[in-house]
Amino acid sequence: MNFSGIKYTSFNAHQYIIDFFTKGNKRSQDIKKNIAASFLIKGINIAISIFIVPLTLVYVNPMQYGIWLTLSSILGWINFFDVGFGNGLRNKFAEAKALGNLNLAKIYVSTTYACLTIIFITIWLLFLIVCYFIDWSVILNAPPTMAVELSRLAIIVFSFFCLQIIFKTISTVIIADQKPALSAFIDMLGQLIALISLLIFTQNSHGSILHLGIILGFSPLFILIIYTFLLYSRKYKDYAPSIDYVRFKYAKNIMSLGIKFFIIQIAIIVIYQTNNILISHIGIPTDVTIFNIALKYMGVILMGFTIIISPYWSAVTDAYTSGDYKWMKSSVKKLRVISYTIILFVIVLFFFSKYAYHLWIGNIVQVPSAVTATIGIYTVLLCWVMLNTQILNGTGKITLQLITYTIGMLLHLPVAFILGNKFGIVGVIISASLFLAIIAITSIIQVNLILDQKATGIWNK
């Protein structure tokens, strides 16, 4: 047996891996390392998510789980109402670092924390008043006997979400510093704490949608608080928020770009996040469970693709600020090749879906093939949109996005309602997919024009 050949091949493989992570400019090296680490972390996250779904269905019944998903979707909209401060900070922080202005970066961080705290304390107080007059059992199409319990749940979950928005600013700073793997690790720990807590509650208490909300709401917040204090006292000590560095006049700099992101985020809520509500009212709460199980199943692809493209937003900001168009062109070309392979993965997942669902959730819920197929198409389109908008977000050229998403926001609800009444869950998914296709086409054209330095007018804003 030729052991020397095996040894040589092994050496070559080892050398190839070393070269892969050490060759190229620092921007590319950081991206490769973050992608590799993120795949490992997200792999753990996927495993946790896979265990959480059936465990949750054991803890509460499918109807209660559907109600929880709808409520968390509605209250989860608060994550988008940071008036663009999160994404605005992401670009401005990356620009300040690229220019070597650490003092300015700290001002942006401190000002963002101050503004978000003021905004979300105000929103929280207003919600407490409004919630008193809301019958959540009507909104969620739930039994009237659950009205009081759902009202309490709404207040608790909303409070957690408001606090998460403020403390999640540390994740924005981490991602802007081109370290998305660290941000993913923090998210993973939050999911892990939720899983462990759910296991304990399943063994020691009866199913309660109120307890479920507390577990899933508090767990990620707890981890965010710990890492906020930990990182600002060490790794990001130079950028730690300080009252002395709060400059409200700089809020305008963050908001000038952030307000566009904010409007786009509102449109994203309507196009992506209202599907649970539409499905709940067109059908029954159990239909929401069916939709979300299929979404989570195909979401494995989406999660993998998100890992790959996540480091590019801030890296593109750095490259665009430095005028490195060669690097941007090379990166986009590689990403588009990867995006084409997604179609193949979707087809494979579709053909194995019945077996996968059976292994995953047994016979608790039946997911129709038509739902899985349309979710697959939706996933492909969403990946193409994410790829190109990630590049555009990094350059700050998002006015065209703003227009296309606004049109989609205005038309999705009526179109989804019409198609949903005719085709059920599939109709709602088709509506969202139609608008994704429009956004995908326009964003591809704009990215090409920017990379070729030929963008003018609306294509360069």
Protein backbone atom coordinates (compact mmCIF):
# COMPACT_ATOMS: atom_id res chain seq x y z
CA MET A 1 0.00 0.00 0.00
CA ASN A 2 1.33 3.43 -0.99
CA PHE A 3 1.23 5.34 2.30
CA SER A 4 3.41 8.13 0.89
CA GLY A 5 0.69 8.98 -1.65
CA ILE A 6 -1.93 9.18 1.09
CA LYS A 7 0.38 11.35 3.17
CA TYR A 8 1.03 13.65 0.19
CA THR A 9 -2.70 13.99 -0.56
CA SER A 10 -3.41 14.71 3.09
CA PHE A 11 -0.70 17.37 3.12
CA ASN A 12 -2.12 18.98 -0.02
CA ALA A 13 -5.61 19.07 1.46
CA HIS A 14 -4.28 20.61 4.66
CA GLN A 15 -2.27 23.17 2.71
CA TYR A 16 -5.28 23.99 0.54
CA ILE A 17 -7.37 24.75 3.63
CA ILE A 18 -4.62 26.96 5.06
CA ASP A 19 -4.24 28.80 1.73
CA PHE A 20 -8.01 29.23 1.43
CA PHE A 21 -8.22 31.13 4.71
CA THR A 22 -4.93 33.04 4.47
CA LYS A 23 -4.71 34.11 0.81
CA GLY A 24 -6.38 37.19 -0.63
CA ASN A 25 -6.80 40.60 0.98
CA LYS A 26 -7.78 40.97 4.63
CA ARG A 27 -11.41 41.70 3.71
CA SER A 28 -11.74 38.38 1.88
CA GLN A 29 -9.88 36.47 4.62
CA ASP A 30 -12.25 37.83 7.28
CA ILE A 31 -15.27 36.88 5.18
CA LYS A 32 -14.04 33.29 4.68
CA LYS A 33 -13.31 32.82 8.38
CA ASN A 34 -16.69 34.25 9.39
CA ILE A 35 -18.54 32.09 6.86
CA ALA A 36 -16.80 28.93 8.10
CA ALA A 37 -17.47 29.76 11.76
CA SER A 38 -21.05 30.81 11.01
CA PHE A 39 -21.80 27.50 9.27
CA LEU A 40 -20.73 25.63 12.40
CA ILE A 41 -22.74 27.93 14.66
CA LYS A 42 -25.80 27.97 12.43
CA GLY A 43 -25.60 24.19 12.13
CA ILE A 44 -26.02 24.04 15.90
CA ASN A 45 -28.79 26.62 15.63
CA ILE A 46 -30.63 24.52 13.04
CA ALA A 47 -30.38 21.47 15.30
CA ILE A 48 -31.80 23.52 18.19
CA SER A 49 -34.65 24.83 16.01
CA ILE A 50 -35.45 21.31 14.82
CA PHE A 51 -35.78 20.14 18.42
CA ILE A 52 -37.73 23.21 19.57
CA VAL A 53 -40.63 22.78 17.09
CA PRO A 54 -41.76 19.26 18.11
CA LEU A 55 -40.98 20.02 21.76
CA THR A 56 -43.21 23.09 21.56
CA LEU A 57 -45.98 21.06 19.88
CA VAL A 58 -45.77 18.64 22.82
CA TYR A 59 -45.84 21.47 25.38
CA VAL A 60 -48.77 23.28 23.71
CA ASN A 61 -51.20 21.95 21.08
CA PRO A 62 -51.01 22.90 17.35
CA MET A 63 -53.78 25.51 17.73
CA GLN A 64 -51.98 27.25 20.62
CA TYR A 65 -48.70 27.07 18.71
CA GLY A 66 -50.38 28.68 15.69
CA ILE A 67 -51.75 31.44 17.94
CA TRP A 68 -48.27 31.97 19.42
CA LEU A 69 -46.70 32.19 15.96
CA THR A 70 -49.26 34.77 14.84
CA LEU A 71 -48.93 36.86 18.01
CA SER A 72 -45.13 36.79 17.92
CA SER A 73 -45.25 37.79 14.24
CA ILE A 74 -47.42 40.81 15.04
CA LEU A 75 -45.38 41.90 18.06
CA GLY A 76 -42.17 40.99 16.25
CA TRP A 77 -42.85 43.95 13.95
CA ILE A 78 -41.43 46.08 16.75
CA ASN A 79 -38.00 44.77 15.68
CA PHE A 80 -38.36 46.85 12.52
CA PHE A 81 -39.48 50.04 14.23
CA ASP A 82 -36.05 51.34 15.17
CA VAL A 83 -36.66 54.11 12.62
CA GLY A 84 -33.68 52.82 10.66
CA PHE A 85 -31.14 53.38 13.45
CA GLY A 86 -29.87 49.79 13.33
CA ASN A 87 -29.04 49.69 9.63
CA GLY A 88 -28.02 53.35 9.59
CA LEU A 89 -25.53 52.66 12.39
CA ARG A 90 -24.26 49.60 10.54
CA ASN A 91 -23.22 51.66 7.52
CA LYS A 92 -22.01 54.73 9.41
CA PHE A 93 -19.97 52.68 11.90
CA ALA A 94 -18.32 50.74 9.04
CA GLU A 95 -17.57 53.98 7.17
CA ALA A 96 -16.05 55.61 10.28
CA LYS A 97 -13.85 52.54 10.88
CA ALA A 98 -12.78 52.42 7.21
CA LEU A 99 -11.69 56.06 7.52
CA GLY A 100 -9.91 55.35 10.84
CA ASN A 101 -12.13 57.77 12.82
CA LEU A 102 -12.72 55.75 16.03
CA ASN A 103 -14.01 58.79 17.92
CA LEU A 104 -16.78 59.26 15.35
CA ALA A 105 -17.64 55.57 15.54
CA LYS A 106 -18.11 55.87 19.32
CA ILE A 107 -20.33 58.93 18.86
CA TYR A 108 -22.52 56.97 16.42
CA VAL A 109 -22.81 54.05 18.87
CA SER A 110 -23.59 56.25 21.90
CA THR A 111 -26.14 58.35 20.00
CA THR A 112 -27.88 55.25 18.66
CA TYR A 113 -28.28 53.76 22.16
CA ALA A 114 -29.67 57.05 23.47
CA CYS A 115 -32.17 57.46 20.62
CA LEU A 116 -33.36 53.84 20.74
CA THR A 117 -33.86 53.98 24.51
CA ILE A 118 -36.02 57.11 24.22
CA ILE A 119 -37.99 55.72 21.26
CA PHE A 120 -38.77 52.32 22.78
CA ILE A 121 -39.62 53.52 26.27
CA THR A 122 -42.17 55.79 24.59
CA ILE A 123 -43.51 52.99 22.36
CA TRP A 124 -43.73 50.61 25.34
CA LEU A 125 -45.78 53.09 27.40
CA LEU A 126 -48.13 53.72 24.47
CA PHE A 127 -48.58 49.97 23.98
CA LEU A 128 -49.58 49.49 27.60
CA ILE A 129 -52.38 52.02 27.10
CA VAL A 130 -53.53 50.68 23.72
CA CYS A 131 -53.37 47.03 24.81
CA TYR A 132 -56.06 47.70 27.44
CA PHE A 133 -58.57 48.30 24.63
CA ILE A 134 -57.51 45.39 22.38
CA ASP A 135 -59.27 42.01 22.35
CA TRP A 136 -56.42 39.73 21.27
CA SER A 137 -58.73 36.73 20.94
CA VAL A 138 -60.49 38.52 18.04
CA ILE A 139 -57.25 39.62 16.35
CA LEU A 140 -55.74 36.13 16.62
CA ASN A 141 -58.96 34.29 15.79
CA ALA A 142 -58.63 32.47 19.12
CA PRO A 143 -61.28 31.21 21.57
CA PRO A 144 -62.82 34.08 23.63
CA THR A 145 -61.86 32.26 26.84
CA MET A 146 -58.19 33.02 26.05
CA ALA A 147 -58.70 36.82 25.88
CA VAL A 148 -57.22 37.65 29.31
CA GLU A 149 -54.32 35.22 28.95
CA LEU A 150 -53.44 36.57 25.49
CA SER A 151 -53.57 40.16 26.74
CA ARG A 152 -51.04 39.33 29.47
CA LEU A 153 -48.92 37.41 26.98
CA ALA A 154 -48.91 40.36 24.56
CA ILE A 155 -47.65 42.76 27.25
CA ILE A 156 -44.92 40.38 28.44
CA VAL A 157 -43.66 39.52 24.94
CA PHE A 158 -43.82 43.14 23.77
CA SER A 159 -41.74 44.21 26.78
CA PHE A 160 -39.09 41.61 25.95
CA PHE A 161 -39.02 42.70 22.29
CA CYS A 162 -38.55 46.39 23.22
CA LEU A 163 -35.61 45.56 25.46
CA GLN A 164 -34.14 43.27 22.79
CA ILE A 165 -34.14 46.13 20.26
CA ILE A 166 -32.03 48.30 22.58
CA PHE A 167 -29.59 45.59 23.63
CA LYS A 168 -29.33 44.14 20.11
CA THR A 169 -27.35 47.23 19.12
CA ILE A 170 -24.26 45.27 20.19
CA SER A 171 -25.03 42.80 17.37
CA THR A 172 -25.18 45.69 14.90
CA VAL A 173 -21.74 46.87 16.02
CA ILE A 174 -20.33 43.34 15.77
CA ILE A 175 -21.71 42.84 12.24
CA ALA A 176 -20.55 46.31 11.15
CA ASP A 177 -17.10 45.25 12.37
CA GLN A 178 -17.34 42.35 9.86
CA LYS A 179 -17.70 39.66 12.54
CA PRO A 180 -21.16 38.18 11.88
CA ALA A 181 -20.05 34.80 13.26
CA LEU A 182 -19.83 36.31 16.75
CA SER A 183 -23.32 37.78 16.36
CA ALA A 184 -24.59 34.36 15.21
CA PHE A 185 -22.96 32.76 18.27
CA ILE A 186 -24.85 35.13 20.57
CA ASP A 187 -28.13 34.28 18.81
CA MET A 188 -27.35 30.57 19.09
CA LEU A 189 -26.79 30.82 22.85
CA GLY A 190 -30.19 32.52 23.19
CA GLN A 191 -31.83 29.64 21.30
CA LEU A 192 -29.96 27.09 23.41
CA ILE A 193 -31.16 28.67 26.66
CA ALA A 194 -34.72 28.64 25.24
CA LEU A 195 -34.43 24.92 24.39
CA ILE A 196 -33.08 23.99 27.83
CA SER A 197 -35.79 26.06 29.54
CA LEU A 198 -38.49 24.48 27.39
CA LEU A 199 -37.21 20.99 28.27
CA ILE A 200 -37.40 21.83 31.98
CA PHE A 201 -40.91 23.28 31.70
CA THR A 202 -42.12 20.32 29.61
CA GLN A 203 -41.04 17.91 32.33
CA ASN A 204 -42.25 19.95 35.30
CA SER A 205 -45.40 21.87 34.28
CA HIS A 206 -48.53 21.67 32.17
CA GLY A 207 -48.60 23.32 28.75
CA SER A 208 -49.06 27.09 28.93
CA ILE A 209 -48.88 29.57 26.06
CA LEU A 210 -48.01 32.23 28.66
CA HIS A 211 -45.00 30.26 29.90
CA LEU A 212 -43.99 29.60 26.28
CA GLY A 213 -43.91 33.34 25.58
CA ILE A 214 -41.80 34.03 28.66
CA ILE A 215 -39.30 31.30 27.75
CA LEU A 216 -38.89 32.30 24.11
CA GLY A 217 -38.88 36.03 24.88
CA PHE A 218 -36.54 36.17 27.88
CA SER A 219 -33.87 33.68 26.71
CA PRO A 220 -32.35 35.76 23.85
CA LEU A 221 -32.65 38.97 25.90
CA PHE A 222 -30.73 37.42 28.80
CA ILE A 223 -27.79 36.48 26.53
CA LEU A 224 -27.79 39.91 24.80
CA ILE A 225 -27.54 41.70 28.15
CA ILE A 226 -24.60 39.55 29.26
CA TYR A 227 -22.67 40.04 25.99
CA THR A 228 -23.41 43.78 25.89
CA PHE A 229 -21.59 44.34 29.17
CA LEU A 230 -18.92 41.74 28.40
CA LEU A 231 -17.90 43.06 24.96
CA TYR A 232 -18.05 46.77 25.81
CA SER A 233 -15.75 46.17 28.77
CA ARG A 234 -13.20 44.31 26.62
CA LYS A 235 -13.12 43.85 22.84
CA TYR A 236 -15.22 46.94 22.00
CA LYS A 237 -14.09 49.10 24.89
CA ASP A 238 -13.10 51.90 22.47
CA TYR A 239 -16.70 52.07 21.19
CA ALA A 240 -18.52 51.56 24.51
CA PRO A 241 -21.59 53.84 24.70
CA SER A 242 -21.17 56.85 26.94
CA ILE A 243 -23.47 59.74 27.84
CA ASP A 244 -20.51 62.07 27.20
CA TYR A 245 -20.43 60.92 23.56
CA VAL A 246 -24.15 61.30 22.84
CA ARG A 247 -24.54 63.88 20.05
CA PHE A 248 -28.14 64.14 18.89
CA LYS A 249 -27.05 66.22 15.89
CA TYR A 250 -25.33 63.07 14.58
CA ALA A 251 -28.66 61.27 14.68
CA LYS A 252 -29.43 63.08 11.43
CA ASN A 253 -26.39 61.46 9.76
CA ILE A 254 -27.57 58.02 10.86
CA MET A 255 -31.18 58.80 9.96
CA SER A 256 -30.47 60.23 6.50
CA LEU A 257 -29.77 56.69 5.33
CA GLY A 258 -31.60 54.95 8.15
CA ILE A 259 -35.02 56.42 7.32
CA LYS A 260 -34.89 54.75 3.89
CA PHE A 261 -34.03 51.46 5.56
CA PHE A 262 -36.91 52.08 7.98
CA ILE A 263 -39.48 52.48 5.19
CA ILE A 264 -38.09 49.39 3.45
CA GLN A 265 -38.40 47.50 6.74
CA ILE A 266 -42.07 48.50 7.02
CA ALA A 267 -42.62 47.20 3.48
CA ILE A 268 -40.81 43.98 4.41
CA ILE A 269 -43.18 43.57 7.36
CA VAL A 270 -46.19 43.81 5.06
CA ILE A 271 -44.78 41.51 2.35
CA TYR A 272 -43.16 38.90 4.60
CA GLN A 273 -44.52 39.17 8.14
CA THR A 274 -48.28 39.59 7.52
CA ASN A 275 -48.55 36.14 5.95
CA ASN A 276 -49.27 34.50 9.31
CA ILE A 277 -52.15 36.91 9.95
CA LEU A 278 -53.57 36.51 6.44
CA ILE A 279 -53.42 32.72 6.63
CA SER A 280 -54.94 32.72 10.12
CA HIS A 281 -57.98 34.70 8.96
CA ILE A 282 -58.35 33.02 5.58
CA GLY A 283 -58.15 29.57 7.22
CA ILE A 284 -57.64 28.49 10.82
CA PRO A 285 -54.71 28.86 13.28
CA THR A 286 -53.53 25.33 12.42
CA ASP A 287 -52.88 26.54 8.84
CA VAL A 288 -50.34 28.98 10.29
CA THR A 289 -48.54 26.01 11.85
CA ILE A 290 -48.49 24.20 8.46
CA PHE A 291 -47.11 27.30 6.71
CA ASN A 292 -44.38 27.84 9.30
CA ILE A 293 -43.28 24.21 9.37
CA ALA A 294 -42.78 24.29 5.56
CA LEU A 295 -41.06 27.67 5.92
CA LYS A 296 -38.68 26.31 8.56
CA TYR A 297 -37.99 23.23 6.44
CA MET A 298 -36.97 25.23 3.35
CA GLY A 299 -35.45 27.76 5.72
CA VAL A 300 -32.44 25.47 6.08
CA ILE A 301 -31.38 26.66 2.61
CA LEU A 302 -32.15 30.26 3.45
CA MET A 303 -30.14 30.02 6.64
CA GLY A 304 -27.14 28.60 4.80
CA PHE A 305 -27.27 31.29 2.14
CA THR A 306 -27.69 34.00 4.77
CA ILE A 307 -24.50 32.75 6.45
CA ILE A 308 -22.61 33.18 3.18
CA ILE A 309 -23.85 36.67 2.33
CA SER A 310 -24.03 38.18 5.84
CA PRO A 311 -20.39 39.35 5.96
CA TYR A 312 -20.68 41.12 2.62
CA TRP A 313 -22.84 44.12 3.60
CA SER A 314 -20.22 45.77 5.81
CA ALA A 315 -17.38 44.45 3.64
CA VAL A 316 -18.98 46.13 0.61
CA THR A 317 -19.31 49.37 2.62
CA ASP A 318 -15.59 49.18 3.32
CA ALA A 319 -14.75 48.36 -0.33
CA TYR A 320 -17.09 51.00 -1.76
CA THR A 321 -15.69 53.66 0.59
CA SER A 322 -12.18 52.65 -0.57
CA GLY A 323 -13.16 52.49 -4.28
CA ASP A 324 -12.26 48.80 -4.59
CA TYR A 325 -14.64 47.89 -7.46
CA LYS A 326 -12.46 44.95 -8.55
CA TRP A 327 -13.05 43.16 -5.26
CA MET A 328 -16.79 43.89 -5.38
CA LYS A 329 -17.13 42.50 -8.94
CA SER A 330 -15.24 39.35 -8.06
CA SER A 331 -17.33 38.81 -4.93
CA VAL A 332 -20.69 39.32 -6.67
CA LYS A 333 -19.71 36.89 -9.45
CA LYS A 334 -18.92 34.16 -6.90
CA LEU A 335 -22.11 34.81 -4.95
CA ARG A 336 -24.28 34.56 -8.05
CA VAL A 337 -22.78 31.17 -8.94
CA ILE A 338 -23.70 29.98 -5.44
CA SER A 339 -27.24 31.39 -5.79
CA TYR A 340 -27.89 29.30 -8.91
CA THR A 341 -27.19 26.08 -6.98
CA ILE A 342 -30.03 26.93 -4.59
CA ILE A 343 -32.55 25.73 -7.19
CA LEU A 344 -31.02 22.25 -7.07
CA PHE A 345 -31.12 22.15 -3.26
CA VAL A 346 -34.78 23.24 -3.24
CA ILE A 347 -35.70 20.43 -5.68
CA VAL A 348 -33.90 17.84 -3.53
CA LEU A 349 -35.61 19.05 -0.34
CA PHE A 350 -38.99 18.98 -2.07
CA PHE A 351 -38.67 15.33 -3.15
CA PHE A 352 -37.59 14.27 0.34
CA SER A 353 -40.07 16.52 2.16
CA LYS A 354 -42.63 13.83 3.11
CA TYR A 355 -39.94 11.68 4.73
CA ALA A 356 -38.35 14.69 6.41
CA TYR A 357 -41.66 15.92 7.86
CA HIS A 358 -42.46 12.44 9.15
CA LEU A 359 -39.08 12.14 10.90
CA TRP A 360 -39.29 15.70 12.21
CA ILE A 361 -42.85 16.07 13.52
CA GLY A 362 -44.42 12.65 12.96
CA ASN A 363 -48.14 12.76 12.18
CA ILE A 364 -48.99 15.75 14.37
CA VAL A 365 -49.38 18.03 11.31
CA GLN A 366 -49.74 17.16 7.60
CA VAL A 367 -48.00 19.56 5.19
CA PRO A 368 -49.39 19.46 1.60
CA SER A 369 -46.85 19.09 -1.23
CA ALA A 370 -48.22 22.23 -2.92
CA VAL A 371 -47.32 24.30 0.15
CA THR A 372 -43.79 22.88 0.20
CA ALA A 373 -43.34 23.52 -3.55
CA THR A 374 -44.48 27.16 -3.45
CA ILE A 375 -42.36 27.80 -0.34
CA GLY A 376 -39.42 26.39 -2.33
CA ILE A 377 -39.99 28.89 -5.17
CA TYR A 378 -40.41 31.66 -2.61
CA THR A 379 -37.07 30.64 -1.02
CA VAL A 380 -35.18 30.79 -4.34
CA LEU A 381 -36.53 34.27 -5.11
CA LEU A 382 -35.83 35.49 -1.59
CA CYS A 383 -32.20 34.34 -1.84
CA TRP A 384 -31.72 36.23 -5.11
CA VAL A 385 -33.25 39.34 -3.57
CA MET A 386 -31.08 39.05 -0.45
CA LEU A 387 -27.89 38.67 -2.50
CA ASN A 388 -28.36 41.83 -4.53
CA THR A 389 -29.92 43.99 -1.83
CA GLN A 390 -27.02 43.06 0.47
CA ILE A 391 -24.65 44.63 -2.07
CA LEU A 392 -26.89 47.67 -2.54
CA ASN A 393 -27.27 48.14 1.22
CA GLY A 394 -23.50 48.17 1.57
CA THR A 395 -23.18 50.95 -1.02
CA GLY A 396 -26.10 52.90 0.46
CA LYS A 397 -27.83 53.05 -2.96
CA ILE A 398 -31.28 51.99 -1.78
CA THR A 399 -33.77 54.50 -3.26
CA LEU A 400 -34.90 52.07 -5.98
CA GLN A 401 -35.35 49.39 -3.31
CA LEU A 402 -37.46 51.87 -1.42
CA ILE A 403 -39.74 52.36 -4.43
CA THR A 404 -40.12 48.67 -5.37
CA TYR A 405 -40.71 47.56 -1.78
CA THR A 406 -43.28 50.33 -1.27
CA ILE A 407 -45.20 49.22 -4.37
CA GLY A 408 -45.04 45.63 -3.09
CA MET A 409 -46.29 46.75 0.33
CA LEU A 410 -49.32 48.53 -1.15
CA LEU A 411 -50.30 45.67 -3.45
CA HIS A 412 -49.39 42.52 -1.50
CA LEU A 413 -52.25 42.56 1.03
CA PRO A 414 -55.12 42.87 -1.51
CA VAL A 415 -53.48 40.44 -3.95
CA ALA A 416 -52.68 37.93 -1.18
CA PHE A 417 -56.21 38.19 0.18
CA ILE A 418 -57.74 37.48 -3.26
CA LEU A 419 -55.35 34.62 -4.08
CA GLY A 420 -55.55 33.30 -0.51
CA ASN A 421 -59.32 33.02 -0.60
CA LYS A 422 -59.04 31.11 -3.88
CA PHE A 423 -55.99 28.90 -3.26
CA GLY A 424 -55.54 29.02 0.53
CA ILE A 425 -51.98 29.03 1.93
CA VAL A 426 -50.54 28.57 -1.57
CA GLY A 427 -52.25 31.75 -2.79
CA VAL A 428 -50.67 33.88 -0.06
CA ILE A 429 -47.22 32.48 -0.89
CA ILE A 430 -47.72 33.11 -4.63
CA SER A 431 -48.54 36.77 -3.94
CA ALA A 432 -45.36 37.29 -1.91
CA SER A 433 -43.33 35.49 -4.60
CA LEU A 434 -44.63 37.74 -7.39
CA PHE A 435 -43.35 40.86 -5.67
CA LEU A 436 -40.07 39.17 -4.77
CA ALA A 437 -39.54 38.46 -8.48
CA ILE A 438 -39.99 42.15 -9.36
CA ILE A 439 -37.56 43.26 -6.63
CA ALA A 440 -35.03 40.58 -7.71
CA ILE A 441 -35.01 41.78 -11.36
CA THR A 442 -34.60 45.49 -10.56
CA SER A 443 -31.92 44.88 -7.92
CA ILE A 444 -29.84 42.69 -10.29
CA ILE A 445 -29.90 45.44 -12.94
CA GLN A 446 -28.91 48.11 -10.40
CA VAL A 447 -26.02 46.09 -8.96
CA ASN A 448 -24.63 45.52 -12.48
CA LEU A 449 -24.79 49.24 -13.26
CA ILE A 450 -23.08 50.23 -9.99
CA LEU A 451 -20.28 47.70 -10.41
CA ASP A 452 -19.67 48.91 -13.98
CA GLN A 453 -19.77 52.51 -12.65
CA LYS A 454 -22.53 53.32 -15.15
CA ALA A 455 -25.35 53.93 -12.67
CA THR A 456 -27.11 57.28 -13.10
CA GLY A 457 -30.35 58.82 -11.90
CA ILE A 458 -32.53 56.57 -9.76
CA TRP A 459 -30.08 53.68 -10.26
CA ASN A 460 -27.38 55.63 -8.39
CA LYS A 461 -29.37 56.86 -5.42
